Amino acid sequence: MQFPRGTSDESNMLQEKRTENRLLCAELIELVWETESGRERRTVANLEDISLCGACVQLEREIRPGTPVAINYGDGELIGTVRYCLYREAGYFLGIELSEGCRWSSQHYKPQHLLDPRELVEQAVLRCAGEPLPAA
């Protein structure tokens, strides 16, 4: 697998760039990248959320911002670049910007546990107003 070499703009690393709706999910995927020495690495990661142009994954190791990665799922693949890597109590969280021409669509890949937070808010508002919830 050949990855394009990317660059990292660390000053903007944590600034939210996604304008699309972010969907929460919990799905195991395979993350593939090359080390600085050119060695291919693979690990299982948890897909935390996904949008048209980006994703957040949780894993047990650090991957430097600017590193090109592949998110392998089922019979498909999404290519992107690590934009940030933060350590939290549960491990490392990577923000991945998907490459131009490589956009996520639920028609091609729908994680088993996919949740739109906007729907939760709408249901909560309906509950508070005493209106019936829409059928699933």
Protein backbone atom coordinates (compact mmCIF):
# COMPACT_ATOMS: atom_id res chain seq x y z
CA MET A 1 0.00 0.00 0.00
CA GLN A 2 1.38 3.42 -0.95
CA PHE A 3 0.49 6.46 1.16
CA PRO A 4 1.02 10.03 0.02
CA ARG A 5 3.27 12.01 2.36
CA GLY A 6 1.38 14.67 4.29
CA THR A 7 2.28 17.68 6.39
CA SER A 8 1.04 18.67 9.81
CA ASP A 9 -0.16 22.10 10.84
CA GLU A 10 0.01 21.64 14.60
CA SER A 11 -1.32 25.11 15.39
CA ASN A 12 -4.68 24.14 13.87
CA MET A 13 -4.55 20.56 15.09
CA LEU A 14 -7.41 20.83 17.58
CA GLN A 15 -9.59 23.35 15.78
CA GLU A 16 -12.87 21.79 14.63
CA LYS A 17 -12.96 21.82 10.85
CA ARG A 18 -15.94 19.59 10.08
CA THR A 19 -19.07 21.35 8.95
CA GLU A 20 -20.95 18.13 8.15
CA ASN A 21 -23.06 16.27 10.65
CA ARG A 22 -20.97 13.98 12.83
CA LEU A 23 -22.51 10.58 13.53
CA LEU A 24 -21.55 8.66 16.64
CA CYS A 25 -20.64 5.02 16.25
CA ALA A 26 -18.83 2.15 17.90
CA GLU A 27 -17.25 -0.23 15.43
CA LEU A 28 -13.95 -2.05 15.23
CA ILE A 29 -11.92 -1.20 12.15
CA GLU A 30 -8.35 -1.84 11.03
CA LEU A 31 -6.06 1.18 10.84
CA VAL A 32 -3.03 0.95 8.53
CA TRP A 33 -0.13 3.43 8.28
CA GLU A 34 3.60 3.62 7.60
CA THR A 35 6.16 4.53 10.23
CA GLU A 36 8.76 7.20 9.52
CA SER A 37 11.14 4.41 8.53
CA GLY A 38 8.64 3.19 5.90
CA ARG A 39 7.48 0.10 7.80
CA GLU A 40 3.79 -0.73 7.44
CA ARG A 41 1.82 -0.99 10.70
CA ARG A 42 -1.66 -2.36 11.34
CA THR A 43 -3.82 -2.25 14.43
CA VAL A 44 -7.43 -2.67 15.45
CA ALA A 45 -9.09 0.61 16.45
CA ASN A 46 -12.56 1.71 17.53
CA LEU A 47 -14.38 4.04 15.16
CA GLU A 48 -15.86 6.67 17.52
CA ASP A 49 -17.54 8.99 15.03
CA ILE A 50 -17.69 9.62 11.32
CA SER A 51 -18.81 12.34 8.91
CA LEU A 52 -18.63 12.95 5.20
CA CYS A 53 -15.01 14.18 5.34
CA GLY A 54 -13.59 12.86 8.60
CA ALA A 55 -13.54 10.33 11.41
CA CYS A 56 -12.34 9.89 14.96
CA VAL A 57 -10.80 6.59 16.03
CA GLN A 58 -9.56 5.35 19.39
CA LEU A 59 -6.54 3.09 19.68
CA GLU A 60 -3.78 2.07 22.06
CA ARG A 61 -0.85 3.76 20.34
CA GLU A 62 0.15 7.20 19.24
CA ILE A 63 0.26 8.12 15.55
CA ARG A 64 1.78 11.48 14.64
CA PRO A 65 -0.31 14.21 13.02
CA GLY A 66 0.37 14.41 9.29
CA THR A 67 0.62 10.62 8.97
CA PRO A 68 -1.41 9.18 6.07
CA VAL A 69 -3.68 6.30 7.17
CA ALA A 70 -6.16 3.81 5.75
CA ILE A 71 -9.32 2.86 7.61
CA ASN A 72 -10.17 -0.68 6.53
CA TYR A 73 -13.71 -1.92 7.14
CA GLY A 74 -15.49 -4.99 5.81
CA ASP A 75 -14.69 -4.98 2.10
CA GLY A 76 -13.81 -1.28 1.81
CA GLU A 77 -11.27 1.36 2.69
CA LEU A 78 -11.18 5.07 3.48
CA ILE A 79 -7.92 7.01 3.05
CA GLY A 80 -7.03 10.06 5.09
CA THR A 81 -4.48 11.95 7.17
CA VAL A 82 -4.14 12.16 10.94
CA ARG A 83 -4.88 15.76 11.97
CA TYR A 84 -4.58 15.33 15.74
CA CYS A 85 -3.68 12.67 18.28
CA LEU A 86 -4.75 13.15 21.90
CA TYR A 87 -4.21 10.86 24.86
CA ARG A 88 -7.20 10.40 27.19
CA GLU A 89 -7.72 7.86 29.99
CA ALA A 90 -9.01 5.25 27.54
CA GLY A 91 -6.21 5.58 24.97
CA TYR A 92 -5.30 7.74 21.99
CA PHE A 93 -7.96 9.54 19.96
CA LEU A 94 -7.06 10.39 16.37
CA GLY A 95 -8.86 12.91 14.22
CA ILE A 96 -8.62 11.79 10.61
CA GLU A 97 -9.39 14.04 7.66
CA LEU A 98 -10.45 11.93 4.68
CA SER A 99 -8.62 12.57 1.43
CA GLU A 100 -10.18 14.57 -1.37
CA GLY A 101 -12.18 12.16 -3.51
CA CYS A 102 -12.50 9.71 -0.60
CA ARG A 103 -15.73 10.57 1.18
CA TRP A 104 -17.74 8.45 3.58
CA SER A 105 -21.28 7.45 2.67
CA SER A 106 -23.67 5.24 4.61
CA GLN A 107 -24.58 3.67 1.26
CA HIS A 108 -21.07 2.16 1.06
CA TYR A 109 -20.34 1.62 4.74
CA LYS A 110 -22.79 1.78 7.61
CA PRO A 111 -21.30 0.97 11.01
CA GLN A 112 -23.48 -1.40 13.03
CA HIS A 113 -23.95 1.09 15.87
CA LEU A 114 -24.57 4.42 14.14
CA LEU A 115 -26.33 7.24 15.98
CA ASP A 116 -27.23 10.74 14.82
CA PRO A 117 -27.15 13.05 17.90
CA ARG A 118 -29.60 15.42 16.18
CA GLU A 119 -32.26 12.69 16.29
CA LEU A 120 -31.75 12.32 20.05
CA VAL A 121 -32.27 16.05 20.55
CA GLU A 122 -35.43 15.99 18.41
CA GLN A 123 -36.82 13.05 20.41
CA ALA A 124 -36.03 14.78 23.72
CA VAL A 125 -37.81 17.94 22.57
CA LEU A 126 -40.85 15.91 21.51
CA ARG A 127 -40.88 14.06 24.85
CA CYS A 128 -40.74 17.35 26.78
CA ALA A 129 -43.57 18.75 24.66
CA GLY A 130 -45.65 15.59 25.26
CA GLU A 131 -45.88 14.78 21.54
CA PRO A 132 -45.70 11.20 20.25
CA LEU A 133 -42.32 10.05 19.00
CA PRO A 134 -41.96 9.19 15.30
CA ALA A 135 -41.97 5.46 14.50
CA ALA A 136 -38.53 3.96 13.91
